Amino acid sequence: GGGSVQAGGSLRLSCQASGRSFSTLAMA
């Protein structure tokens, strides 16, 4: 989701975790 934007704009990053239950992970 990274990219280039102008000041004042918005952007949404996404992160996918795999390998075990997602509900057991704290994320940052």
mmCIF file of all heavy atoms, coordinates in Angstrom:
data_MODEL
# 
_entry.id   MODEL 
# 
loop_
_atom_site.group_PDB 
_atom_site.id 
_atom_site.type_symbol 
_atom_site.label_atom_id 
_atom_site.label_alt_id 
_atom_site.label_comp_id 
_atom_site.label_asym_id 
_atom_site.label_entity_id 
_atom_site.label_seq_id 
_atom_site.pdbx_PDB_ins_code 
_atom_site.Cartn_x 
_atom_site.Cartn_y 
_atom_site.Cartn_z 
_atom_site.occupancy 
_atom_site.B_iso_or_equiv 
_atom_site.pdbx_formal_charge 
_atom_site.auth_seq_id 
_atom_site.auth_comp_id 
_atom_site.auth_asym_id 
_atom_site.auth_atom_id 
_atom_site.pdbx_PDB_model_num 
ATOM 1   N N   . GLY A 1 1  ? 0.771  -1.226  0.000  1.00 0.00 ? 1  GLY A N   1 
ATOM 2   C CA  . GLY A 1 1  ? 0.000  0.000   0.000  1.00 0.00 ? 1  GLY A CA  1 
ATOM 3   C C   . GLY A 1 1  ? 0.805  1.280   0.000  1.00 0.00 ? 1  GLY A C   1 
ATOM 4   O O   . GLY A 1 1  ? 0.224  2.372   -0.046 1.00 0.00 ? 1  GLY A O   1 
ATOM 5   N N   . GLY A 1 2  ? 2.122  1.198   0.057  1.00 0.00 ? 2  GLY A N   1 
ATOM 6   C CA  . GLY A 1 2  ? 2.941  2.395   0.045  1.00 0.00 ? 2  GLY A CA  1 
ATOM 7   C C   . GLY A 1 2  ? 2.881  3.093   -1.300 1.00 0.00 ? 2  GLY A C   1 
ATOM 8   O O   . GLY A 1 2  ? 2.459  2.522   -2.302 1.00 0.00 ? 2  GLY A O   1 
ATOM 9   N N   . GLY A 1 3  ? 3.311  4.353   -1.317 1.00 0.00 ? 3  GLY A N   1 
ATOM 10  C CA  . GLY A 1 3  ? 3.309  5.127   -2.543 1.00 0.00 ? 3  GLY A CA  1 
ATOM 11  C C   . GLY A 1 3  ? 3.622  6.574   -2.277 1.00 0.00 ? 3  GLY A C   1 
ATOM 12  O O   . GLY A 1 3  ? 4.075  6.933   -1.185 1.00 0.00 ? 3  GLY A O   1 
ATOM 13  N N   . SER A 1 4  ? 3.390  7.419   -3.276 1.00 0.00 ? 4  SER A N   1 
ATOM 14  C CA  . SER A 1 4  ? 3.642  8.851   -3.178 1.00 0.00 ? 4  SER A CA  1 
ATOM 15  C C   . SER A 1 4  ? 2.336  9.624   -3.176 1.00 0.00 ? 4  SER A C   1 
ATOM 16  O O   . SER A 1 4  ? 1.455  9.369   -4.010 1.00 0.00 ? 4  SER A O   1 
ATOM 17  C CB  . SER A 1 4  ? 4.507  9.321   -4.345 1.00 0.00 ? 4  SER A CB  1 
ATOM 18  O OG  . SER A 1 4  ? 5.773  8.684   -4.342 1.00 0.00 ? 4  SER A OG  1 
ATOM 19  N N   . VAL A 1 5  ? 2.214  10.558  -2.235 1.00 0.00 ? 5  VAL A N   1 
ATOM 20  C CA  . VAL A 1 5  ? 1.018  11.394  -2.129 1.00 0.00 ? 5  VAL A CA  1 
ATOM 21  C C   . VAL A 1 5  ? 1.429  12.818  -1.811 1.00 0.00 ? 5  VAL A C   1 
ATOM 22  O O   . VAL A 1 5  ? 2.554  13.076  -1.369 1.00 0.00 ? 5  VAL A O   1 
ATOM 23  C CB  . VAL A 1 5  ? 0.041  10.884  -1.041 1.00 0.00 ? 5  VAL A CB  1 
ATOM 24  C CG1 . VAL A 1 5  ? -0.453 9.485   -1.380 1.00 0.00 ? 5  VAL A CG1 1 
ATOM 25  C CG2 . VAL A 1 5  ? 0.728  10.891  0.322  1.00 0.00 ? 5  VAL A CG2 1 
ATOM 26  N N   . GLN A 1 6  ? 0.512  13.744  -2.018 1.00 0.00 ? 6  GLN A N   1 
ATOM 27  C CA  . GLN A 1 6  ? 0.748  15.130  -1.672 1.00 0.00 ? 6  GLN A CA  1 
ATOM 28  C C   . GLN A 1 6  ? 0.375  15.380  -0.216 1.00 0.00 ? 6  GLN A C   1 
ATOM 29  O O   . GLN A 1 6  ? -0.464 14.683  0.355  1.00 0.00 ? 6  GLN A O   1 
ATOM 30  C CB  . GLN A 1 6  ? -0.057 16.055  -2.578 1.00 0.00 ? 6  GLN A CB  1 
ATOM 31  C CG  . GLN A 1 6  ? 0.386  16.050  -4.026 1.00 0.00 ? 6  GLN A CG  1 
ATOM 32  C CD  . GLN A 1 6  ? -0.377 17.053  -4.869 1.00 0.00 ? 6  GLN A CD  1 
ATOM 33  O OE1 . GLN A 1 6  ? -1.500 17.431  -4.540 1.00 0.00 ? 6  GLN A OE1 1 
ATOM 34  N NE2 . GLN A 1 6  ? 0.232  17.490  -5.954 1.00 0.00 ? 6  GLN A NE2 1 
ATOM 35  N N   . ALA A 1 7  ? 1.010  16.374  0.387  1.00 0.00 ? 7  ALA A N   1 
ATOM 36  C CA  . ALA A 1 7  ? 0.703  16.749  1.761  1.00 0.00 ? 7  ALA A CA  1 
ATOM 37  C C   . ALA A 1 7  ? -0.784 17.030  1.917  1.00 0.00 ? 7  ALA A C   1 
ATOM 38  O O   . ALA A 1 7  ? -1.397 17.664  1.058  1.00 0.00 ? 7  ALA A O   1 
ATOM 39  C CB  . ALA A 1 7  ? 1.518  17.963  2.171  1.00 0.00 ? 7  ALA A CB  1 
ATOM 40  N N   . GLY A 1 8  ? -1.350 16.538  3.016  1.00 0.00 ? 8  GLY A N   1 
ATOM 41  C CA  . GLY A 1 8  ? -2.774 16.693  3.266  1.00 0.00 ? 8  GLY A CA  1 
ATOM 42  C C   . GLY A 1 8  ? -3.602 15.533  2.769  1.00 0.00 ? 8  GLY A C   1 
ATOM 43  O O   . GLY A 1 8  ? -4.789 15.422  3.119  1.00 0.00 ? 8  GLY A O   1 
ATOM 44  N N   . GLY A 1 9  ? -3.006 14.661  1.991  1.00 0.00 ? 9  GLY A N   1 
ATOM 45  C CA  . GLY A 1 9  ? -3.710 13.521  1.454  1.00 0.00 ? 9  GLY A CA  1 
ATOM 46  C C   . GLY A 1 9  ? -3.755 12.347  2.408  1.00 0.00 ? 9  GLY A C   1 
ATOM 47  O O   . GLY A 1 9  ? -3.284 12.424  3.540  1.00 0.00 ? 9  GLY A O   1 
ATOM 48  N N   . SER A 1 10 ? -4.318 11.243  1.932  1.00 0.00 ? 10 SER A N   1 
ATOM 49  C CA  . SER A 1 10 ? -4.469 10.041  2.742  1.00 0.00 ? 10 SER A CA  1 
ATOM 50  C C   . SER A 1 10 ? -3.935 8.821   2.006  1.00 0.00 ? 10 SER A C   1 
ATOM 51  O O   . SER A 1 10 ? -3.871 8.789   0.780  1.00 0.00 ? 10 SER A O   1 
ATOM 52  C CB  . SER A 1 10 ? -5.944 9.807   3.086  1.00 0.00 ? 10 SER A CB  1 
ATOM 53  O OG  . SER A 1 10 ? -6.478 10.865  3.863  1.00 0.00 ? 10 SER A OG  1 
ATOM 54  N N   . LEU A 1 11 ? -3.583 7.823   2.796  1.00 0.00 ? 11 LEU A N   1 
ATOM 55  C CA  . LEU A 1 11 ? -3.076 6.574   2.251  1.00 0.00 ? 11 LEU A CA  1 
ATOM 56  C C   . LEU A 1 11 ? -3.365 5.475   3.257  1.00 0.00 ? 11 LEU A C   1 
ATOM 57  O O   . LEU A 1 11 ? -3.308 5.717   4.472  1.00 0.00 ? 11 LEU A O   1 
ATOM 58  C CB  . LEU A 1 11 ? -1.571 6.680   1.993  1.00 0.00 ? 11 LEU A CB  1 
ATOM 59  C CG  . LEU A 1 11 ? -0.901 5.645   1.082  1.00 0.00 ? 11 LEU A CG  1 
ATOM 60  C CD1 . LEU A 1 11 ? -1.434 5.767   -0.338 1.00 0.00 ? 11 LEU A CD1 1 
ATOM 61  C CD2 . LEU A 1 11 ? 0.607  5.846   1.100  1.00 0.00 ? 11 LEU A CD2 1 
ATOM 62  N N   . ARG A 1 12 ? -3.671 4.271   2.781  1.00 0.00 ? 12 ARG A N   1 
ATOM 63  C CA  . ARG A 1 12 ? -3.909 3.146   3.677  1.00 0.00 ? 12 ARG A CA  1 
ATOM 64  C C   . ARG A 1 12 ? -2.926 2.034   3.393  1.00 0.00 ? 12 ARG A C   1 
ATOM 65  O O   . ARG A 1 12 ? -2.854 1.526   2.269  1.00 0.00 ? 12 ARG A O   1 
ATOM 66  C CB  . ARG A 1 12 ? -5.342 2.620   3.547  1.00 0.00 ? 12 ARG A CB  1 
ATOM 67  C CG  . ARG A 1 12 ? -5.664 1.567   4.614  1.00 0.00 ? 12 ARG A CG  1 
ATOM 68  C CD  . ARG A 1 12 ? -7.098 1.082   4.545  1.00 0.00 ? 12 ARG A CD  1 
ATOM 69  N NE  . ARG A 1 12 ? -7.324 0.188   3.429  1.00 0.00 ? 12 ARG A NE  1 
ATOM 70  C CZ  . ARG A 1 12 ? -8.423 -0.550  3.276  1.00 0.00 ? 12 ARG A CZ  1 
ATOM 71  N NH1 . ARG A 1 12 ? -9.399 -0.477  4.175  1.00 0.00 ? 12 ARG A NH1 1 
ATOM 72  N NH2 . ARG A 1 12 ? -8.553 -1.327  2.218  1.00 0.00 ? 12 ARG A NH2 1 
ATOM 73  N N   . LEU A 1 13 ? -2.191 1.646   4.417  1.00 0.00 ? 13 LEU A N   1 
ATOM 74  C CA  . LEU A 1 13 ? -1.273 0.531   4.329  1.00 0.00 ? 13 LEU A CA  1 
ATOM 75  C C   . LEU A 1 13 ? -1.950 -0.729  4.841  1.00 0.00 ? 13 LEU A C   1 
ATOM 76  O O   . LEU A 1 13 ? -2.787 -0.675  5.739  1.00 0.00 ? 13 LEU A O   1 
ATOM 77  C CB  . LEU A 1 13 ? -0.011 0.794   5.147  1.00 0.00 ? 13 LEU A CB  1 
ATOM 78  C CG  . LEU A 1 13 ? 0.763  2.082   4.848  1.00 0.00 ? 13 LEU A CG  1 
ATOM 79  C CD1 . LEU A 1 13 ? 2.013  2.143   5.716  1.00 0.00 ? 13 LEU A CD1 1 
ATOM 80  C CD2 . LEU A 1 13 ? 1.117  2.167   3.371  1.00 0.00 ? 13 LEU A CD2 1 
ATOM 81  N N   . SER A 1 14 ? -1.569 -1.868  4.277  1.00 0.00 ? 14 SER A N   1 
ATOM 82  C CA  . SER A 1 14 ? -2.095 -3.149  4.712  1.00 0.00 ? 14 SER A CA  1 
ATOM 83  C C   . SER A 1 14 ? -0.947 -4.074  5.081  1.00 0.00 ? 14 SER A C   1 
ATOM 84  O O   . SER A 1 14 ? 0.133  -4.002  4.503  1.00 0.00 ? 14 SER A O   1 
ATOM 85  C CB  . SER A 1 14 ? -2.931 -3.798  3.604  1.00 0.00 ? 14 SER A CB  1 
ATOM 86  O OG  . SER A 1 14 ? -4.046 -2.999  3.266  1.00 0.00 ? 14 SER A OG  1 
ATOM 87  N N   . CYS A 1 15 ? -1.198 -4.946  6.032  1.00 0.00 ? 15 CYS A N   1 
ATOM 88  C CA  . CYS A 1 15 ? -0.208 -5.915  6.474  1.00 0.00 ? 15 CYS A CA  1 
ATOM 89  C C   . CYS A 1 15 ? -0.884 -7.256  6.638  1.00 0.00 ? 15 CYS A C   1 
ATOM 90  O O   . CYS A 1 15 ? -1.900 -7.356  7.329  1.00 0.00 ? 15 CYS A O   1 
ATOM 91  C CB  . CYS A 1 15 ? 0.426  -5.466  7.791  1.00 0.00 ? 15 CYS A CB  1 
ATOM 92  S SG  . CYS A 1 15 ? 1.544  -6.676  8.535  1.00 0.00 ? 15 CYS A SG  1 
ATOM 93  N N   . GLN A 1 16 ? -0.326 -8.273  5.995  1.00 0.00 ? 16 GLN A N   1 
ATOM 94  C CA  . GLN A 1 16 ? -0.874 -9.612  6.118  1.00 0.00 ? 16 GLN A CA  1 
ATOM 95  C C   . GLN A 1 16 ? 0.092  -10.500 6.888  1.00 0.00 ? 16 GLN A C   1 
ATOM 96  O O   . GLN A 1 16 ? 1.283  -10.550 6.570  1.00 0.00 ? 16 GLN A O   1 
ATOM 97  C CB  . GLN A 1 16 ? -1.158 -10.217 4.747  1.00 0.00 ? 16 GLN A CB  1 
ATOM 98  C CG  . GLN A 1 16 ? -1.835 -11.586 4.832  1.00 0.00 ? 16 GLN A CG  1 
ATOM 99  C CD  . GLN A 1 16 ? -2.512 -11.977 3.543  1.00 0.00 ? 16 GLN A CD  1 
ATOM 100 O OE1 . GLN A 1 16 ? -1.951 -11.774 2.461  1.00 0.00 ? 16 GLN A OE1 1 
ATOM 101 N NE2 . GLN A 1 16 ? -3.708 -12.515 3.651  1.00 0.00 ? 16 GLN A NE2 1 
ATOM 102 N N   . ALA A 1 17 ? -0.418 -11.186 7.891  1.00 0.00 ? 17 ALA A N   1 
ATOM 103 C CA  . ALA A 1 17 ? 0.364  -12.119 8.683  1.00 0.00 ? 17 ALA A CA  1 
ATOM 104 C C   . ALA A 1 17 ? -0.112 -13.535 8.416  1.00 0.00 ? 17 ALA A C   1 
ATOM 105 O O   . ALA A 1 17 ? -1.316 -13.799 8.383  1.00 0.00 ? 17 ALA A O   1 
ATOM 106 C CB  . ALA A 1 17 ? 0.255  -11.796 10.170 1.00 0.00 ? 17 ALA A CB  1 
ATOM 107 N N   . SER A 1 18 ? 0.833  -14.440 8.229  1.00 0.00 ? 18 SER A N   1 
ATOM 108 C CA  . SER A 1 18 ? 0.499  -15.835 7.970  1.00 0.00 ? 18 SER A CA  1 
ATOM 109 C C   . SER A 1 18 ? 1.401  -16.746 8.775  1.00 0.00 ? 18 SER A C   1 
ATOM 110 O O   . SER A 1 18 ? 2.441  -16.326 9.280  1.00 0.00 ? 18 SER A O   1 
ATOM 111 C CB  . SER A 1 18 ? 0.623  -16.152 6.482  1.00 0.00 ? 18 SER A CB  1 
ATOM 112 O OG  . SER A 1 18 ? 1.961  -15.955 6.029  1.00 0.00 ? 18 SER A OG  1 
ATOM 113 N N   . GLY A 1 19 ? 1.012  -18.003 8.890  1.00 0.00 ? 19 GLY A N   1 
ATOM 114 C CA  . GLY A 1 19 ? 1.818  -18.988 9.594  1.00 0.00 ? 19 GLY A CA  1 
ATOM 115 C C   . GLY A 1 19 ? 1.211  -19.493 10.892 1.00 0.00 ? 19 GLY A C   1 
ATOM 116 O O   . GLY A 1 19 ? 1.569  -20.563 11.361 1.00 0.00 ? 19 GLY A O   1 
ATOM 117 N N   . ARG A 1 20 ? 0.328  -18.728 11.477 1.00 0.00 ? 20 ARG A N   1 
ATOM 118 C CA  . ARG A 1 20 ? -0.383 -19.118 12.676 1.00 0.00 ? 20 ARG A CA  1 
ATOM 119 C C   . ARG A 1 20 ? -1.638 -18.270 12.815 1.00 0.00 ? 20 ARG A C   1 
ATOM 120 O O   . ARG A 1 20 ? -1.856 -17.357 12.024 1.00 0.00 ? 20 ARG A O   1 
ATOM 121 C CB  . ARG A 1 20 ? 0.494  -19.013 13.923 1.00 0.00 ? 20 ARG A CB  1 
ATOM 122 C CG  . ARG A 1 20 ? 0.929  -17.603 14.261 1.00 0.00 ? 20 ARG A CG  1 
ATOM 123 C CD  . ARG A 1 20 ? 1.549  -17.551 15.654 1.00 0.00 ? 20 ARG A CD  1 
ATOM 124 N NE  . ARG A 1 20 ? 0.574  -17.868 16.682 1.00 0.00 ? 20 ARG A NE  1 
ATOM 125 C CZ  . ARG A 1 20 ? 0.685  -18.853 17.566 1.00 0.00 ? 20 ARG A CZ  1 
ATOM 126 N NH1 . ARG A 1 20 ? 1.759  -19.640 17.532 1.00 0.00 ? 20 ARG A NH1 1 
ATOM 127 N NH2 . ARG A 1 20 ? -0.257 -19.049 18.466 1.00 0.00 ? 20 ARG A NH2 1 
ATOM 128 N N   . SER A 1 21 ? -2.422 -18.541 13.809 1.00 0.00 ? 21 SER A N   1 
ATOM 129 C CA  . SER A 1 21 ? -3.673 -17.819 14.009 1.00 0.00 ? 21 SER A CA  1 
ATOM 130 C C   . SER A 1 21 ? -3.421 -16.329 14.181 1.00 0.00 ? 21 SER A C   1 
ATOM 131 O O   . SER A 1 21 ? -2.669 -15.907 15.051 1.00 0.00 ? 21 SER A O   1 
ATOM 132 C CB  . SER A 1 21 ? -4.426 -18.362 15.215 1.00 0.00 ? 21 SER A CB  1 
ATOM 133 O OG  . SER A 1 21 ? -5.612 -17.625 15.441 1.00 0.00 ? 21 SER A OG  1 
ATOM 134 N N   . PHE A 1 22 ? -4.047 -15.538 13.333 1.00 0.00 ? 22 PHE A N   1 
ATOM 135 C CA  . PHE A 1 22 ? -3.903 -14.092 13.373 1.00 0.00 ? 22 PHE A CA  1 
ATOM 136 C C   . PHE A 1 22 ? -4.407 -13.514 14.691 1.00 0.00 ? 22 PHE A C   1 
ATOM 137 O O   . PHE A 1 22 ? -3.908 -12.490 15.166 1.00 0.00 ? 22 PHE A O   1 
ATOM 138 C CB  . PHE A 1 22 ? -4.665 -13.482 12.196 1.00 0.00 ? 22 PHE A CB  1 
ATOM 139 C CG  . PHE A 1 22 ? -4.512 -11.993 12.051 1.00 0.00 ? 22 PHE A CG  1 
ATOM 140 C CD1 . PHE A 1 22 ? -3.281 -11.424 11.781 1.00 0.00 ? 22 PHE A CD1 1 
ATOM 141 C CD2 . PHE A 1 22 ? -5.617 -11.159 12.149 1.00 0.00 ? 22 PHE A CD2 1 
ATOM 142 C CE1 . PHE A 1 22 ? -3.140 -10.054 11.625 1.00 0.00 ? 22 PHE A CE1 1 
ATOM 143 C CE2 . PHE A 1 22 ? -5.493 -9.790  11.992 1.00 0.00 ? 22 PHE A CE2 1 
ATOM 144 C CZ  . PHE A 1 22 ? -4.245 -9.232  11.725 1.00 0.00 ? 22 PHE A CZ  1 
ATOM 145 N N   . SER A 1 23 ? -5.386 -14.151 15.292 1.00 0.00 ? 23 SER A N   1 
ATOM 146 C CA  . SER A 1 23 ? -5.997 -13.646 16.519 1.00 0.00 ? 23 SER A CA  1 
ATOM 147 C C   . SER A 1 23 ? -5.084 -13.752 17.731 1.00 0.00 ? 23 SER A C   1 
ATOM 148 O O   . SER A 1 23 ? -5.385 -13.164 18.773 1.00 0.00 ? 23 SER A O   1 
ATOM 149 C CB  . SER A 1 23 ? -7.314 -14.377 16.803 1.00 0.00 ? 23 SER A CB  1 
ATOM 150 O OG  . SER A 1 23 ? -7.089 -15.756 17.041 1.00 0.00 ? 23 SER A OG  1 
ATOM 151 N N   . THR A 1 24 ? -3.976 -14.470 17.631 1.00 0.00 ? 24 THR A N   1 
ATOM 152 C CA  . THR A 1 24 ? -3.042 -14.612 18.748 1.00 0.00 ? 24 THR A CA  1 
ATOM 153 C C   . THR A 1 24 ? -1.892 -13.620 18.685 1.00 0.00 ? 24 THR A C   1 
ATOM 154 O O   . THR A 1 24 ? -1.025 -13.626 19.559 1.00 0.00 ? 24 THR A O   1 
ATOM 155 C CB  . THR A 1 24 ? -2.465 -16.030 18.806 1.00 0.00 ? 24 THR A CB  1 
ATOM 156 O OG1 . THR A 1 24 ? -1.676 -16.278 17.639 1.00 0.00 ? 24 THR A OG1 1 
ATOM 157 C CG2 . THR A 1 24 ? -3.589 -17.062 18.890 1.00 0.00 ? 24 THR A CG2 1 
ATOM 158 N N   . LEU A 1 25 ? -1.859 -12.768 17.662 1.00 0.00 ? 25 LEU A N   1 
ATOM 159 C CA  . LEU A 1 25 ? -0.758 -11.842 17.445 1.00 0.00 ? 25 LEU A CA  1 
ATOM 160 C C   . LEU A 1 25 ? -1.114 -10.409 17.818 1.00 0.00 ? 25 LEU A C   1 
ATOM 161 O O   . LEU A 1 25 ? -2.161 -9.902  17.414 1.00 0.00 ? 25 LEU A O   1 
ATOM 162 C CB  . LEU A 1 25 ? -0.327 -11.858 15.980 1.00 0.00 ? 25 LEU A CB  1 
ATOM 163 C CG  . LEU A 1 25 ? 0.237  -13.165 15.420 1.00 0.00 ? 25 LEU A CG  1 
ATOM 164 C CD1 . LEU A 1 25 ? 0.340  -13.060 13.906 1.00 0.00 ? 25 LEU A CD1 1 
ATOM 165 C CD2 . LEU A 1 25 ? 1.595  -13.463 16.031 1.00 0.00 ? 25 LEU A CD2 1 
ATOM 166 N N   . ALA A 1 26 ? -0.222 -9.774  18.569 1.00 0.00 ? 26 ALA A N   1 
ATOM 167 C CA  . ALA A 1 26 ? -0.284 -8.327  18.708 1.00 0.00 ? 26 ALA A CA  1 
ATOM 168 C C   . ALA A 1 26 ? 0.452  -7.754  17.502 1.00 0.00 ? 26 ALA A C   1 
ATOM 169 O O   . ALA A 1 26 ? 1.476  -8.294  17.080 1.00 0.00 ? 26 ALA A O   1 
ATOM 170 C CB  . ALA A 1 26 ? 0.373  -7.880  20.006 1.00 0.00 ? 26 ALA A CB  1 
ATOM 171 N N   . MET A 1 27 ? -0.051 -6.669  16.930 1.00 0.00 ? 27 MET A N   1 
ATOM 172 C CA  . MET A 1 27 ? 0.500  -6.117  15.698 1.00 0.00 ? 27 MET A CA  1 
ATOM 173 C C   . MET A 1 27 ? 0.865  -4.655  15.879 1.00 0.00 ? 27 MET A C   1 
ATOM 174 O O   . MET A 1 27 ? 0.241  -3.938  16.664 1.00 0.00 ? 27 MET A O   1 
ATOM 175 C CB  . MET A 1 27 ? -0.504 -6.245  14.552 1.00 0.00 ? 27 MET A CB  1 
ATOM 176 C CG  . MET A 1 27 ? -1.029 -7.650  14.313 1.00 0.00 ? 27 MET A CG  1 
ATOM 177 S SD  . MET A 1 27 ? 0.233  -8.767  13.642 1.00 0.00 ? 27 MET A SD  1 
ATOM 178 C CE  . MET A 1 27 ? 0.528  -8.019  12.037 1.00 0.00 ? 27 MET A CE  1 
ATOM 179 N N   . ALA A 1 28 ? 1.862  -4.206  15.111 1.00 0.00 ? 28 ALA A N   1 
ATOM 180 C CA  . ALA A 1 28 ? 2.305  -2.826  15.225 1.00 0.00 ? 28 ALA A CA  1 
ATOM 181 C C   . ALA A 1 28 ? 2.860  -2.312  13.907 1.00 0.00 ? 28 ALA A C   1 
ATOM 182 O O   . ALA A 1 28 ? 3.224  -3.085  13.014 1.00 0.00 ? 28 ALA A O   1 
ATOM 183 C CB  . ALA A 1 28 ? 3.369  -2.690  16.317 1.00 0.00 ? 28 ALA A CB  1 
# 
